[in-house]
Each structure stands twice: as structure tokens, then as C-alpha cells.
Amino acid sequence: MDLSVLKKEVDEAVLVDAHAPNDAKLVRIIWVDGSGQHRCRAVPFKRFNDVTKRNGIGLPFAVMAASSCNDCPAAGSNLSSVGEMSLMPDLSTKRTVPWNKQEEMVMGDMQLRPGEAWEYCPREALRRVSRILKDEFNLVMKAGFEIEFLLLKKAVRDGKEDWVPFDSTPYCSAISYDAASPFLHEVVASLNSLNITVEQLHAEAGKGQFEVVLGYTACLNAADNLIYTQEVIKATARKHGLLATFLPKYAMDDVGSGSHVHVSLWQNDKNVFMAAEGSSQHGMSAVGEEFMAGVLHHIPAILAFICPIPNSYARIQPNTWSGAYQCWGKDNREAPIRTACPPGIRAGSVSNFEIKSFDGCANPYLGLAAILSGGVDGLRHHLQLPEPIAFNPYENASKLKRLPQSLAESVEALEKNNTLTELIGEKLVVTIKAVRKAEVEYHSKHQEAYKQLIHNY
């Protein structure tokens, strides 16, 4: 046989084989709706490159008005089956899917047409409030999440298959960590492949509960990292025959799961939340105190964004390290807001503050936008902090204001809050309030059904 012909046949075979993976490859475009659920559309790789990355994909307006219990638009949301926007991939976020190398994933921005943001886009809402902080005060907010979740395994109880906690060991149990280490190692490897910094991880206090701590970054990137991390954790659990859930309160007789967020302020690549020389009363700079005072002042309404389902409020209880009263404290883990002085920070100084109420069902873009809005208001009006609480707030509950004890109460606080409405955007806030009210109504009639949300969150 002519060797040149053979070489041509081999080269053509190699060329076909080289193109085969791309022909089969898919790209997931991810968005997070008003109820905090992750959703995606998948597009073949060639079409993504030829069409989608320029024009996006069409989605009905109604996708932002769905609740966790119903895919129809919530009543009063001002969104319906009429109208369509474009989900545009943010190419800066495109990554290879760690658990399926044949796919990529990318975050989507909601636009009316390429280049024109839709008013209901959560990522754009966060960008908008971030620009206000930058333009008015030359500040950037950075954030880092501590992500708690339950790891569940299948078991047969009373002749029925059910999901039960992975184990029942105590806080920071070495036994629990060792038992889950194959799963945890794979999670960390996947996050490393996504350039997401993992600072530490450990077994938490709840049955089958674990925590992964992510590194600090600019708040839009922090929200993207949270979404990708949740995707990694859930997919890796499935691979190991397990189920991971971020539901705030899976078992009423056990502790809940949050996504505590640490927040700091930066200017010219320097942390300016911390007092310059550690000489202030509370270890914070003036802008740091005013920003945090604004968040504390607005936290009842902020809860409507960071605690988005009725189940969230089963977690916000005294003596559960989640913060049930409107107060703050220095390293006080019973306060919803605590200032932190981690190792390496000079004594008496504060590098950041933690908001413990944030949970894993929240849309992180809207949650951070709400926190930013409260902080901006604190800076604009030079709000002052009350004295810190140096004890368990429950011990002096009669003198402290209780945070909303239900989603209905936090929605009521949001309805009275013009500041958050103005900064986040009136149309978007109207939709979010409608989604929250739909959650309240459904929960009042179908309380047991909410346990099924372990599969949604």
C-alpha cells in the first residue's frame, strides 16, 4: 500500500478523533433565581462558540419569579409568561466541570439584549451596588464564605428507604473527618481546579454536618465561588452515593446549617476596615464602624434576602450560634454580627466582620447586594454602633430586639425599608417580596413537603 495514502488516512483519523470530544462537549450556563435555586441550560460546544457567547440564550421573564415550591411566577411579582430576556455567558467565569471533563460551566448575566442589563438580574444588582460603594466612597467590599452542609446517606427505616445523616460525631471530630476524607479530598481537588481557595474544612456540630471555608475575594467573585462550590459539593456527594444539602434546618432537634459570610472593606488593595493603628475603641476604622452599623441597622430587612425560605427561621434561634437578636459582639458567636480578629492580626484590631444569619438557600448575589446596601446607608448617614454585647444575648433578651422569627416578619421589614429597595432596585425587590410571600403561603399549607427541599438546595 502507498505509504503516503496510509499516512493521509491516519492523519484524517487523528483529526476526526481530535474533533470528536468538542462535538460532544456541552457548556452549562448557570443562573440563580429569586428563590436561590441553581438552574442551568446546556448548549453544545460548537453552538456556544458560534452563537451563544455573542447572543446568549432566551429565557422567559418568569424564571426570576419562581419559588422553591412552584415553577410558575409568584402572584404580585410583576413577571409573567409574557416576555423574554437573554442569558448571556460571562466568559470570565467559564470553567471545566471538575466531575465531568466533557463539559464546561459558566455564569450567566440576564440582559434584555446583548450589552443591556435586565433590571431583575441578581449579578447586575450586586455590580450596581458595588459601583455605588466605589463611586461614592472609593471602597471595595470583599467577602469570604464559611459553607456548612449536611452529608446524608441512604438507609432503610421501617421498611422504607430514607436519607439519614452520614454520622453522629461531635464538632471537629477526627473520626468524622477521616470517614469522609475520600469525599472531602475530591471536593478540595475540584475546587483547586476552579481556582477557588479553600482555607480549611472540618466536621461541624450537627449530625453529618461539615464546613468548608473559602478565601476572601471581591464580592461578585465570592458569590460565583459560592455557587461553584455548592455545585461541586452536591455533585461529588452524588458520585459517592451520598446526598449533600444546604437546607438551613434539616432536623428540628439538631443545629442548622449556614453560609456565614465574612466582610471587609478595601481601598487601593489595603484593608481599611481595620483601624490604622489599632487605637480605636473597637479596633475598627471610622468607615468600618459606619458600614457595619448600617448593616446592623438594616439586618431585619436584609434577612429577607439571606434567609429566603420559612425553614431558614427554624435555624435563627437563641443558643444555636446563628444570631437571634439585633446586636453585635466582639468574637461573640451568639450575635448575628461579630467582629473577628483571626490569627496574624495584631491584638485589639479587627480585620472583618461576620454575618452569621446568611444561609445556603440564599441567592448570594442578592444577599451580598443587601448587605452592601445597608453598609452604604451607614456610610452616607454616619451611623453609629451601639455598645457590643459581651455575653449570650439570650441572657438579657428582654432588653434586646429580637430579629424576625419568620419569613413573613422579614418580608414585612423589607416592605418598610426604602433604602434597600432604592439601592437594589424597586422592580427586583417587588419580585423578591412576591416570591417570599409565595413561600410563606405554601409552607403554611404543606409544612412536611419542605423536607423535600433537600434535593433543591
Protein backbone atom coordinates (compact mmCIF):
# COMPACT_ATOMS: atom_id res chain seq x y z
CA MET A 1 0.00 0.00 0.00
CA ASP A 2 1.21 3.51 -0.80
CA LEU A 3 2.64 4.91 2.49
CA SER A 4 1.51 8.43 1.61
CA VAL A 5 -2.08 7.18 1.30
CA LEU A 6 -1.76 5.33 4.63
CA LYS A 7 -0.35 8.47 6.30
CA LYS A 8 -3.24 10.54 4.90
CA GLU A 9 -5.78 8.03 6.29
CA VAL A 10 -4.07 8.06 9.70
CA ASP A 11 -3.93 11.87 9.77
CA GLU A 12 -7.63 12.09 8.89
CA ALA A 13 -8.49 9.58 11.62
CA VAL A 14 -6.49 11.59 14.17
CA LEU A 15 -8.22 14.77 13.01
CA VAL A 16 -11.67 13.19 13.42
CA ASP A 17 -10.72 11.87 16.85
CA ALA A 18 -9.41 15.29 17.90
CA HIS A 19 -12.67 16.94 16.95
CA ALA A 20 -14.90 14.25 18.46
CA PRO A 21 -14.71 15.49 22.08
CA ASN A 22 -15.70 19.02 21.07
CA ASP A 23 -18.60 17.74 19.00
CA ALA A 24 -19.97 16.02 22.10
CA LYS A 25 -18.95 18.71 24.59
CA LEU A 26 -21.60 20.79 26.36
CA VAL A 27 -21.46 24.13 28.17
CA ARG A 28 -23.76 24.74 31.14
CA ILE A 29 -24.92 28.34 31.57
CA ILE A 30 -25.87 28.74 35.23
CA TRP A 31 -28.13 31.28 36.89
CA VAL A 32 -29.62 31.58 40.38
CA ASP A 33 -33.28 32.51 40.61
CA GLY A 34 -35.17 34.66 43.11
CA SER A 35 -35.69 31.71 45.44
CA GLY A 36 -31.96 30.87 45.50
CA GLN A 37 -32.18 27.72 43.38
CA HIS A 38 -29.41 26.94 40.90
CA ARG A 39 -30.62 26.43 37.35
CA CYS A 40 -28.84 25.85 34.05
CA ARG A 41 -29.23 25.39 30.32
CA ALA A 42 -26.71 23.28 28.40
CA VAL A 43 -25.52 24.25 24.91
CA PRO A 44 -23.37 22.16 22.53
CA PHE A 45 -19.81 23.45 22.40
CA LYS A 46 -19.88 24.46 18.73
CA ARG A 47 -23.14 26.38 19.05
CA PHE A 48 -21.85 28.04 22.21
CA ASN A 49 -18.81 29.36 20.33
CA ASP A 50 -20.66 30.19 17.11
CA VAL A 51 -23.82 31.78 18.54
CA THR A 52 -24.43 31.69 22.29
CA LYS A 53 -21.44 33.59 23.59
CA ARG A 54 -22.46 36.55 21.40
CA ASN A 55 -26.25 36.35 21.63
CA GLY A 56 -26.99 34.35 24.77
CA ILE A 57 -29.99 32.05 25.12
CA GLY A 58 -33.60 33.11 25.51
CA LEU A 59 -35.31 32.67 28.89
CA PRO A 60 -38.81 33.74 29.94
CA PHE A 61 -39.04 36.64 32.37
CA ALA A 62 -40.93 34.34 34.73
CA VAL A 63 -37.79 32.38 35.71
CA MET A 64 -36.91 35.05 38.28
CA ALA A 65 -40.36 34.85 39.91
CA ALA A 66 -40.48 31.12 40.67
CA SER A 67 -40.49 29.95 44.28
CA SER A 68 -38.84 26.80 45.64
CA CYS A 69 -42.22 25.04 45.53
CA ASN A 70 -43.65 26.19 42.20
CA ASP A 71 -42.13 26.93 38.81
CA CYS A 72 -44.91 29.37 37.95
CA PRO A 73 -44.40 33.11 38.57
CA ALA A 74 -45.44 34.23 42.04
CA ALA A 75 -48.55 36.39 42.31
CA GLY A 76 -47.67 40.07 42.55
CA SER A 77 -44.18 39.61 41.09
CA ASN A 78 -44.95 41.77 38.02
CA LEU A 79 -43.41 38.99 35.92
CA SER A 80 -45.48 36.57 33.86
CA SER A 81 -45.35 34.14 30.99
CA VAL A 82 -45.07 37.12 28.63
CA GLY A 83 -41.62 38.41 27.77
CA GLU A 84 -38.12 37.04 27.27
CA MET A 85 -34.61 38.07 28.19
CA SER A 86 -31.21 36.77 27.13
CA LEU A 87 -28.99 34.78 29.44
CA MET A 88 -25.52 35.96 28.43
CA PRO A 89 -22.48 33.92 29.48
CA ASP A 90 -19.88 35.83 31.49
CA LEU A 91 -16.85 34.32 29.77
CA SER A 92 -14.55 35.34 32.63
CA THR A 93 -16.28 32.69 34.76
CA LYS A 94 -16.06 29.78 32.27
CA ARG A 95 -14.53 26.68 33.83
CA THR A 96 -14.19 22.98 33.05
CA VAL A 97 -16.66 20.96 35.11
CA PRO A 98 -14.37 19.06 37.52
CA TRP A 99 -16.60 15.98 37.82
CA ASN A 100 -17.34 15.82 34.08
CA LYS A 101 -14.39 16.92 31.94
CA GLN A 102 -16.58 16.64 28.85
CA GLU A 103 -18.44 19.78 29.98
CA GLU A 104 -17.77 23.38 30.87
CA MET A 105 -19.82 25.74 33.01
CA VAL A 106 -20.22 29.49 33.03
CA MET A 107 -22.24 32.03 34.98
CA GLY A 108 -24.97 33.86 33.11
CA ASP A 109 -25.98 37.53 33.17
CA MET A 110 -29.58 38.44 32.42
CA GLN A 111 -29.86 41.04 29.67
CA LEU A 112 -32.68 42.45 27.57
CA ARG A 113 -30.30 42.30 24.62
CA PRO A 114 -26.52 41.90 24.46
CA GLY A 115 -24.97 44.73 26.46
CA GLU A 116 -28.21 45.96 28.08
CA ALA A 117 -28.72 44.62 31.61
CA TRP A 118 -32.15 43.41 32.70
CA GLU A 119 -33.36 45.14 35.88
CA TYR A 120 -34.09 41.80 37.54
CA CYS A 121 -30.59 40.31 37.10
CA PRO A 122 -29.10 39.37 40.53
CA ARG A 123 -25.49 39.61 39.37
CA GLU A 124 -26.15 43.06 37.92
CA ALA A 125 -27.82 44.16 41.18
CA LEU A 126 -24.62 43.26 43.04
CA ARG A 127 -22.49 45.06 40.46
CA ARG A 128 -24.72 48.15 40.71
CA VAL A 129 -24.47 48.48 44.49
CA SER A 130 -20.73 47.72 44.31
CA ARG A 131 -20.32 50.62 41.88
CA ILE A 132 -22.14 52.94 44.29
CA LEU A 133 -19.74 51.97 47.09
CA LYS A 134 -16.80 52.56 44.76
CA ASP A 135 -18.04 55.82 43.22
CA GLU A 136 -19.17 57.47 46.46
CA PHE A 137 -16.54 56.21 48.90
CA ASN A 138 -13.73 54.69 46.78
CA LEU A 139 -14.23 51.40 48.62
CA VAL A 140 -14.47 47.76 47.56
CA MET A 141 -16.21 45.10 49.64
CA LYS A 142 -14.57 41.70 49.80
CA ALA A 143 -16.26 38.60 51.14
CA GLY A 144 -15.47 35.03 52.11
CA PHE A 145 -17.97 32.29 52.90
CA GLU A 146 -17.97 29.52 55.52
CA ILE A 147 -20.22 26.92 53.93
CA GLU A 148 -21.98 24.42 56.17
CA PHE A 149 -23.87 21.43 54.76
CA LEU A 150 -25.25 18.06 55.76
CA LEU A 151 -23.97 14.86 54.21
CA LEU A 152 -26.71 12.21 54.06
CA LYS A 153 -26.64 8.52 53.19
CA LYS A 154 -29.40 6.12 52.21
CA ALA A 155 -30.80 3.78 54.85
CA VAL A 156 -33.87 1.61 55.30
CA ARG A 157 -36.11 2.63 58.19
CA ASP A 158 -39.41 0.91 58.93
CA GLY A 159 -39.13 -0.87 55.60
CA LYS A 160 -38.74 2.40 53.67
CA GLU A 161 -35.65 3.88 52.06
CA ASP A 162 -34.75 7.28 53.51
CA TRP A 163 -31.87 9.73 53.76
CA VAL A 164 -30.15 9.83 57.16
CA PRO A 165 -27.08 11.73 58.45
CA PHE A 166 -23.70 10.39 57.36
CA ASP A 167 -22.63 10.05 61.02
CA SER A 168 -23.38 11.38 64.52
CA THR A 169 -19.98 12.52 65.75
CA PRO A 170 -19.27 15.83 67.57
CA TYR A 171 -17.78 19.14 66.42
CA CYS A 172 -14.39 18.82 64.69
CA SER A 173 -14.43 15.06 65.15
CA ALA A 174 -11.29 13.44 63.74
CA ILE A 175 -13.26 10.23 63.23
CA SER A 176 -15.87 12.01 61.13
CA TYR A 177 -13.23 13.79 59.07
CA ASP A 178 -11.39 10.53 58.42
CA ALA A 179 -14.58 8.71 57.42
CA ALA A 180 -15.47 11.46 54.94
CA SER A 181 -11.91 12.14 53.75
CA PRO A 182 -12.26 10.49 50.29
CA PHE A 183 -15.23 12.77 49.59
CA LEU A 184 -13.54 15.85 51.11
CA HIS A 185 -10.26 15.30 49.22
CA GLU A 186 -12.16 15.15 45.96
CA VAL A 187 -14.07 18.33 46.82
CA VAL A 188 -10.83 20.21 47.55
CA ALA A 189 -9.17 18.93 44.36
CA SER A 190 -12.17 20.05 42.30
CA LEU A 191 -12.19 23.50 43.92
CA ASN A 192 -8.46 23.84 43.29
CA SER A 193 -9.10 23.12 39.61
CA LEU A 194 -11.60 26.01 39.63
CA ASN A 195 -9.07 28.38 41.25
CA ILE A 196 -11.23 28.58 44.38
CA THR A 197 -9.18 28.93 47.55
CA VAL A 198 -10.04 26.57 50.40
CA GLU A 199 -8.72 27.84 53.72
CA GLN A 200 -9.86 24.95 55.91
CA LEU A 201 -12.53 22.30 56.37
CA HIS A 202 -13.81 20.22 59.27
CA ALA A 203 -16.69 18.23 60.72
CA GLU A 204 -19.30 20.53 62.26
CA ALA A 205 -21.50 20.11 65.34
CA GLY A 206 -24.58 18.68 63.62
CA LYS A 207 -25.11 15.05 62.71
CA GLY A 208 -23.47 14.50 59.32
CA GLN A 209 -22.52 18.19 59.13
CA PHE A 210 -19.33 19.58 57.56
CA GLU A 211 -17.93 23.01 56.83
CA VAL A 212 -15.72 24.32 54.02
CA VAL A 213 -14.13 27.75 54.43
CA LEU A 214 -13.39 29.72 51.26
CA GLY A 215 -10.86 32.51 50.78
CA TYR A 216 -11.56 36.23 50.54
CA THR A 217 -12.17 37.87 47.19
CA ALA A 218 -14.17 40.70 45.59
CA CYS A 219 -17.84 40.15 46.35
CA LEU A 220 -19.04 39.25 42.81
CA ASN A 221 -16.30 36.65 42.56
CA ALA A 222 -17.12 35.45 46.10
CA ALA A 223 -20.74 34.85 45.07
CA ASP A 224 -19.64 32.97 41.93
CA ASN A 225 -17.26 30.88 44.05
CA LEU A 226 -20.06 30.01 46.47
CA ILE A 227 -22.27 28.77 43.62
CA TYR A 228 -19.49 26.71 42.08
CA THR A 229 -18.57 25.28 45.50
CA GLN A 230 -22.14 24.21 46.18
CA GLU A 231 -22.27 22.58 42.74
CA VAL A 232 -19.01 20.72 43.45
CA ILE A 233 -20.15 19.51 46.87
CA LYS A 234 -23.51 18.22 45.63
CA ALA A 235 -22.05 16.53 42.53
CA THR A 236 -19.21 14.91 44.48
CA ALA A 237 -21.67 13.62 47.07
CA ARG A 238 -23.77 12.04 44.31
CA LYS A 239 -20.65 10.37 42.92
CA HIS A 240 -20.06 8.79 46.35
CA GLY A 241 -23.67 7.63 46.68
CA LEU A 242 -24.44 10.41 49.17
CA LEU A 243 -26.64 13.49 49.23
CA ALA A 244 -25.37 16.92 50.29
CA THR A 245 -27.92 19.54 51.32
CA PHE A 246 -27.60 23.19 52.32
CA LEU A 247 -31.10 23.30 53.81
CA PRO A 248 -30.83 25.52 56.91
CA LYS A 249 -32.68 23.19 59.29
CA TYR A 250 -32.92 19.54 58.24
CA ALA A 251 -33.69 18.17 61.71
CA MET A 252 -35.52 20.31 64.23
CA ASP A 253 -33.70 18.65 67.14
CA ASP A 254 -30.24 19.40 65.71
CA VAL A 255 -28.23 22.51 64.80
CA GLY A 256 -28.78 24.21 61.47
CA SER A 257 -26.52 24.96 58.51
CA GLY A 258 -25.50 28.43 57.43
CA SER A 259 -23.22 30.09 54.90
CA HIS A 260 -21.66 32.60 57.25
CA VAL A 261 -20.09 35.44 55.31
CA HIS A 262 -17.06 37.47 56.39
CA VAL A 263 -16.94 41.02 55.04
CA SER A 264 -14.18 43.65 54.87
CA LEU A 265 -13.60 46.98 53.09
CA TRP A 266 -10.63 47.66 50.84
CA GLN A 267 -9.08 50.76 49.31
CA ASN A 268 -6.07 50.65 46.99
CA ASP A 269 -5.50 46.97 47.86
CA LYS A 270 -5.42 47.74 51.60
CA ASN A 271 -7.89 46.52 54.20
CA VAL A 272 -9.36 49.75 55.59
CA PHE A 273 -11.98 48.10 57.77
CA MET A 274 -9.27 47.71 60.40
CA ALA A 275 -8.22 50.72 62.50
CA ALA A 276 -4.96 52.13 61.14
CA GLU A 277 -3.03 51.78 64.37
CA GLY A 278 -5.34 49.62 66.44
CA SER A 279 -6.15 52.59 68.65
CA SER A 280 -9.91 52.87 68.11
CA GLN A 281 -12.32 51.72 70.79
CA HIS A 282 -13.43 48.61 68.91
CA GLY A 283 -10.43 48.01 66.62
CA MET A 284 -12.27 49.25 63.52
CA SER A 285 -11.74 52.33 61.37
CA ALA A 286 -14.43 55.02 61.23
CA VAL A 287 -15.62 53.80 57.82
CA GLY A 288 -15.60 50.23 59.11
CA GLU A 289 -17.79 51.13 62.09
CA GLU A 290 -20.24 53.17 59.98
CA PHE A 291 -20.52 50.45 57.34
CA MET A 292 -21.14 47.73 59.93
CA ALA A 293 -23.59 49.99 61.81
CA GLY A 294 -25.60 50.28 58.59
CA VAL A 295 -25.71 46.51 58.15
CA LEU A 296 -26.79 46.05 61.77
CA HIS A 297 -29.48 48.72 61.42
CA HIS A 298 -30.96 47.12 58.30
CA ILE A 299 -30.48 43.45 59.21
CA PRO A 300 -34.20 42.72 59.83
CA ALA A 301 -34.88 43.55 56.15
CA ILE A 302 -31.61 42.00 54.96
CA LEU A 303 -32.84 38.68 56.37
CA ALA A 304 -35.47 38.57 53.60
CA PHE A 305 -32.54 38.10 51.19
CA ILE A 306 -30.11 35.98 53.22
CA CYS A 307 -32.73 33.75 54.95
CA PRO A 308 -35.09 33.23 52.00
CA ILE A 309 -37.36 30.32 52.97
CA PRO A 310 -39.55 29.62 56.04
CA ASN A 311 -37.18 26.83 57.07
CA SER A 312 -34.42 29.45 57.46
CA TYR A 313 -36.08 30.81 60.59
CA ALA A 314 -36.06 27.45 62.35
CA ARG A 315 -32.29 27.99 62.40
CA ILE A 316 -32.30 31.61 63.63
CA GLN A 317 -32.87 30.66 67.28
CA PRO A 318 -31.15 31.52 70.57
CA ASN A 319 -28.27 29.31 71.71
CA THR A 320 -27.59 27.89 68.25
CA TRP A 321 -24.69 30.16 67.19
CA SER A 322 -26.77 31.74 64.44
CA GLY A 323 -27.71 35.11 66.00
CA ALA A 324 -31.29 35.67 67.11
CA TYR A 325 -31.14 39.25 68.44
CA GLN A 326 -30.31 42.56 66.77
CA CYS A 327 -26.89 43.16 68.25
CA TRP A 328 -23.19 42.74 67.61
CA GLY A 329 -20.25 41.47 69.61
CA LYS A 330 -16.51 41.01 69.56
CA ASP A 331 -15.97 37.35 68.71
CA ASN A 332 -19.45 36.68 70.09
CA ARG A 333 -20.85 33.75 68.12
CA GLU A 334 -24.35 34.20 69.56
CA ALA A 335 -24.59 37.63 67.89
CA PRO A 336 -25.77 37.79 64.26
CA ILE A 337 -22.84 40.14 63.56
CA ARG A 338 -19.47 39.57 65.16
CA THR A 339 -16.15 41.29 64.62
CA ALA A 340 -13.19 38.99 64.08
CA CYS A 341 -9.51 39.12 64.96
CA PRO A 342 -8.10 35.97 63.30
CA PRO A 343 -4.54 34.70 63.85
CA GLY A 344 -1.97 37.07 62.38
CA ILE A 345 -3.97 40.23 63.10
CA ARG A 346 -2.49 42.49 65.77
CA ALA A 347 -4.19 42.33 69.16
CA GLY A 348 -7.05 44.77 69.56
CA SER A 349 -7.59 45.15 65.83
CA VAL A 350 -10.46 43.81 63.75
CA SER A 351 -9.91 42.66 60.17
CA ASN A 352 -13.52 41.89 59.20
CA PHE A 353 -16.98 41.15 60.49
CA GLU A 354 -19.05 38.02 60.11
CA ILE A 355 -22.78 37.84 59.36
CA LYS A 356 -23.90 34.52 60.80
CA SER A 357 -27.52 34.65 59.57
CA PHE A 358 -26.65 34.07 55.87
CA ASP A 359 -27.71 30.56 54.82
CA GLY A 360 -27.12 28.20 51.92
CA CYS A 361 -30.56 28.72 50.31
CA ALA A 362 -29.88 32.41 49.66
CA ASN A 363 -29.14 33.83 46.24
CA PRO A 364 -25.63 35.08 47.15
CA TYR A 365 -25.70 37.96 44.67
CA LEU A 366 -28.86 39.37 46.23
CA GLY A 367 -27.65 38.60 49.75
CA LEU A 368 -24.38 40.48 49.25
CA ALA A 369 -26.22 43.32 47.47
CA ALA A 370 -28.48 43.69 50.51
CA ILE A 371 -25.50 43.73 52.90
CA LEU A 372 -23.75 46.28 50.70
CA SER A 373 -26.87 48.45 50.63
CA GLY A 374 -27.07 48.51 54.41
CA GLY A 375 -23.38 49.39 54.60
CA VAL A 376 -23.67 52.19 52.04
CA ASP A 377 -26.52 53.70 54.05
CA GLY A 378 -24.38 53.54 57.18
CA LEU A 379 -21.59 55.44 55.40
CA ARG A 380 -23.96 58.01 53.90
CA HIS A 381 -25.56 58.85 57.26
CA HIS A 382 -22.54 58.20 59.51
CA LEU A 383 -24.48 55.69 61.58
CA GLN A 384 -23.00 54.79 64.97
CA LEU A 385 -22.71 51.37 66.51
CA PRO A 386 -24.36 50.56 69.83
CA GLU A 387 -22.15 49.02 72.51
CA PRO A 388 -21.08 45.44 71.77
CA ILE A 389 -22.70 42.54 73.60
CA ALA A 390 -20.11 40.63 75.62
CA PHE A 391 -22.43 37.84 76.77
CA ASN A 392 -25.02 35.47 75.39
CA PRO A 393 -27.80 37.82 74.17
CA TYR A 394 -30.42 35.35 75.38
CA GLU A 395 -29.37 36.10 78.95
CA ASN A 396 -30.62 39.68 78.56
CA ALA A 397 -33.28 39.09 75.92
CA SER A 398 -35.80 41.49 77.45
CA LYS A 399 -33.50 44.43 76.66
CA LEU A 400 -32.65 43.41 73.10
CA LYS A 401 -34.69 43.45 69.91
CA ARG A 402 -35.47 40.00 68.55
CA LEU A 403 -34.73 39.53 64.87
CA PRO A 404 -37.63 38.41 62.66
CA GLN A 405 -38.79 34.96 63.74
CA SER A 406 -40.41 34.10 60.41
CA LEU A 407 -40.04 34.85 56.73
CA ALA A 408 -43.30 36.82 56.90
CA GLU A 409 -41.74 39.14 59.51
CA SER A 410 -38.58 39.76 57.49
CA VAL A 411 -40.67 40.49 54.38
CA GLU A 412 -42.66 42.98 56.44
CA ALA A 413 -39.38 44.63 57.48
CA LEU A 414 -38.32 44.76 53.81
CA GLU A 415 -41.62 46.36 52.81
CA LYS A 416 -40.88 49.20 55.24
CA ASN A 417 -37.27 49.59 54.08
CA ASN A 418 -36.93 52.20 51.36
CA THR A 419 -33.14 52.14 51.45
CA LEU A 420 -32.71 48.55 50.30
CA THR A 421 -35.49 48.96 47.75
CA GLU A 422 -33.84 52.03 46.24
CA LEU A 423 -30.31 50.61 46.08
CA ILE A 424 -31.12 47.07 44.94
CA GLY A 425 -33.85 48.21 42.54
CA GLU A 426 -37.57 48.61 43.10
CA LYS A 427 -38.72 46.18 40.39
CA LEU A 428 -36.39 43.43 41.56
CA VAL A 429 -37.39 43.92 45.22
CA VAL A 430 -41.10 43.72 44.28
CA THR A 431 -40.42 40.34 42.66
CA ILE A 432 -38.40 39.06 45.61
CA LYS A 433 -41.15 40.03 48.06
CA ALA A 434 -43.71 38.19 45.92
CA VAL A 435 -41.53 35.06 45.80
CA ARG A 436 -41.08 35.18 49.58
CA LYS A 437 -44.84 35.54 50.14
CA ALA A 438 -45.43 32.53 47.89
CA GLU A 439 -43.01 30.55 50.07
CA VAL A 440 -44.87 31.61 53.22
CA GLU A 441 -48.25 30.64 51.77
CA TYR A 442 -47.05 27.23 50.57
CA HIS A 443 -45.28 26.47 53.83
CA SER A 444 -48.39 27.23 55.86
CA LYS A 445 -50.27 24.52 53.94
CA HIS A 446 -47.53 21.96 53.22
CA GLN A 447 -45.05 22.01 56.09
CA GLU A 448 -43.96 18.40 55.64
CA ALA A 449 -43.29 18.94 51.94
CA TYR A 450 -40.48 21.31 52.81
CA LYS A 451 -38.27 18.37 53.75
CA GLN A 452 -38.13 17.57 50.03
CA LEU A 453 -36.09 20.75 49.58
CA ILE A 454 -33.01 18.71 50.50
CA HIS A 455 -32.99 17.90 46.77
CA ASN A 456 -33.41 21.57 45.67
CA TYR A 457 -30.76 23.20 47.87
